[in-house]
Protein backbone atom coordinates (compact mmCIF):
# COMPACT_ATOMS: atom_id res chain seq x y z
CA MET A 1 138.21 177.70 95.95
CA ARG A 2 140.80 180.04 97.21
CA ASP A 3 141.28 180.94 100.91
CA GLY A 4 139.11 183.99 101.98
CA GLN A 5 137.23 183.85 98.47
CA ALA A 6 133.87 183.62 98.33
CA ALA A 7 132.52 180.91 96.48
CA ILE A 8 128.83 179.26 95.93
CA LEU A 9 129.03 175.18 96.03
CA VAL A 10 127.62 173.99 92.99
CA ARG A 11 126.48 170.33 92.50
CA ILE A 12 123.75 168.50 91.00
CA GLU A 13 122.83 167.29 94.85
CA THR A 14 124.69 166.97 98.10
CA THR A 15 125.37 164.00 100.54
CA PRO A 16 126.90 163.89 103.69
CA ASP A 17 130.67 164.10 102.26
CA ASP A 18 130.11 167.37 101.09
CA LEU A 19 129.08 169.13 104.51
CA PRO A 20 132.87 170.19 104.85
CA GLY A 21 132.33 171.97 101.26
CA MET A 22 129.21 173.24 102.65
CA HIS A 23 130.41 175.16 105.56
CA ALA A 24 133.12 176.49 103.73
CA ALA A 25 131.02 177.70 101.05
CA ASP A 26 128.87 180.99 100.98
CA GLY A 27 125.68 179.43 99.88
CA VAL A 28 124.84 176.02 97.90
CA LEU A 29 123.51 175.59 94.30
CA THR A 30 122.13 172.31 93.17
CA ALA A 31 120.37 170.72 90.15
CA ALA A 32 118.21 168.33 92.27
CA GLY A 33 115.75 168.66 95.24
CA GLY A 34 113.89 170.77 96.75
CA LEU A 35 112.65 172.57 99.80
CA THR A 36 113.71 169.17 102.15
CA SER A 37 116.43 167.98 100.06
CA HIS A 38 119.46 167.27 101.88
CA ALA A 39 121.19 170.41 100.70
CA ALA A 40 118.55 172.83 101.63
CA ILE A 41 117.90 171.37 105.46
CA VAL A 42 121.85 171.26 105.85
CA ALA A 43 122.15 174.74 104.50
CA ARG A 44 119.46 175.83 106.25
CA GLY A 45 120.95 174.32 109.31
CA ILE A 46 124.03 175.95 108.93
CA GLY A 47 122.99 179.31 108.15
CA LYS A 48 123.99 179.32 104.57
CA PRO A 49 121.46 180.43 101.68
CA ALA A 50 120.32 177.44 99.53
CA VAL A 51 119.07 177.05 95.92
CA CYS A 52 117.96 173.88 94.94
CA GLY A 53 115.98 171.73 92.19
CA THR A 54 117.12 174.48 89.64
CA GLY A 55 117.99 171.83 86.87
CA LEU A 56 121.08 173.55 85.95
CA GLU A 57 123.50 171.63 83.79
CA ILE A 58 127.25 170.72 85.08
CA ASP A 59 129.72 170.16 82.64
CA ALA A 60 132.67 168.80 84.68
CA VAL A 61 135.15 169.19 81.65
CA ARG A 62 134.65 172.48 80.66
CA ARG A 63 134.21 173.33 84.35
CA THR A 64 130.61 175.60 83.29
CA VAL A 65 127.52 175.53 84.87
CA ARG A 66 124.09 176.12 82.38
CA LEU A 67 120.88 177.53 83.70
CA GLY A 68 118.46 178.01 81.02
CA ASP A 69 120.17 180.54 78.67
CA LEU A 70 122.57 181.53 81.21
CA GLU A 71 126.25 180.01 81.32
CA VAL A 72 128.72 180.62 83.70
CA ALA A 73 132.44 179.46 84.27
CA GLU A 74 134.29 178.32 87.50
CA GLY A 75 135.42 181.36 88.83
CA ASP A 76 132.89 184.34 87.00
CA ALA A 77 130.82 185.84 90.04
CA ILE A 78 126.95 184.45 91.13
CA SER A 79 124.66 185.24 93.32
CA ILE A 80 121.79 183.20 94.75
CA ASP A 81 119.01 184.31 96.96
CA GLY A 82 117.49 181.52 99.43
CA SER A 83 114.51 182.90 99.90
CA THR A 84 113.54 183.17 96.38
CA GLY A 85 115.09 180.96 94.53
CA ALA A 86 117.01 183.63 92.17
CA VAL A 87 120.25 182.94 90.95
CA VAL A 88 121.83 185.92 89.36
CA VAL A 89 125.23 186.87 87.56
CA GLY A 90 127.20 188.79 89.28
CA GLU A 91 127.58 190.13 92.81
CA LEU A 92 124.64 191.51 94.75
CA PRO A 93 125.14 192.89 97.89
CA ILE A 94 124.70 190.45 101.05
CA ILE A 95 121.11 191.12 102.94
CA GLY A 96 121.20 189.37 106.43
CA PRO A 97 117.54 187.38 107.33
CA GLN A 98 114.94 189.45 107.56
CA ALA A 99 111.76 188.59 110.05
CA GLN A 100 108.37 188.20 107.71
CA ARG A 101 106.02 190.95 108.78
CA ARG A 102 103.43 188.44 110.11
CA LEU A 103 106.20 187.06 112.62
CA ARG A 104 107.27 190.84 113.86
CA THR A 105 103.65 191.64 114.08
CA LEU A 106 103.04 188.62 116.37
CA LEU A 107 106.03 188.69 118.80
CA GLY A 108 105.74 192.22 119.15
CA ARG A 109 102.02 191.85 120.73
CA PRO A 110 101.61 192.26 124.26
CA THR A 111 100.31 189.09 126.27
CA ALA A 112 98.24 189.26 129.71
CA SER A 113 101.47 188.09 131.49
CA ALA A 114 104.17 190.94 129.75
CA GLY A 115 106.60 191.67 132.36
CA CYS A 116 106.01 188.58 134.40
CA GLY A 117 108.43 186.10 132.53
CA SER A 118 105.67 183.43 132.10
CA ALA A 119 102.59 182.67 130.17
CA PRO A 120 99.60 182.29 132.39
CA THR A 121 98.27 178.69 132.72
CA PRO A 122 95.33 178.35 130.24
CA THR A 123 91.96 177.28 131.74
CA PRO A 124 91.05 173.61 130.33
CA ARG A 125 87.51 173.75 127.96
CA THR A 126 87.13 170.19 128.31
CA THR A 127 86.96 168.21 131.23
CA SER A 128 87.00 163.97 131.27
CA ARG A 129 84.15 162.05 132.12
CA SER A 130 84.28 158.49 133.15
CA ARG A 131 84.14 155.55 130.72
CA SER A 132 80.93 155.79 128.53
CA SER A 133 78.62 152.84 127.62
CA THR A 134 80.71 152.22 124.28
CA GLY A 135 83.81 152.06 126.35
CA ARG A 136 85.36 155.12 124.51
CA ARG A 137 86.44 158.17 126.63
CA ALA A 138 83.98 160.72 126.70
CA SER A 139 84.63 164.69 127.76
CA ALA A 140 82.10 167.53 127.87
CA CYS A 141 82.22 169.43 124.37
CA ALA A 142 82.21 173.62 123.96
CA GLY A 143 80.76 173.36 121.00
CA PRO A 144 79.30 171.21 117.90
CA SER A 145 81.33 168.13 117.09
CA ILE A 146 80.99 164.87 115.56
CA SER A 147 82.38 161.97 117.36
CA SER A 148 83.75 158.65 115.95
CA SER A 149 79.95 157.14 115.88
CA GLY A 150 78.65 159.55 113.53
CA ARG A 151 76.24 161.33 116.00
CA GLY A 152 77.19 164.60 117.94
CA CYS A 153 78.67 165.54 120.81
CA PRO A 154 78.33 163.19 123.79
CA SER A 155 75.72 164.52 126.03
CA SER A 156 76.75 165.72 129.43
CA SER A 157 73.99 163.63 131.07
CA GLY A 158 75.24 160.32 132.79
């Protein structure tokens, strides 16, 4: 990678030794792994896109990468989309992270304490009672449930 030039780190899999390269790269593309692989977790943590577990083949001698029928050489422009897992030949415009519609809806909802700076303390629905005859903790139930004995919720009578 040349100074100031965009680059995607392409590896079979990453290890902790690859951390400096992951910081320097604009994204990470790996043959092995998945959503919980080292590459995916570290890339997400440092704000870089990653596409992991593609099954790509790396030819270190020819300095090429093959993904299905697609073959690119070192220095060829590729783009990756960490959200969809897409790998595209050529440069695509960079689009920053977008909040998902449901998250934007949730964050935009007013709360009962809007403007107060903190949420109200919820009122507990269950209260702890003394030990039952079996030695387990019992609680008053707001609705039907099954206890560990297979019977319904312990009754509220003594």
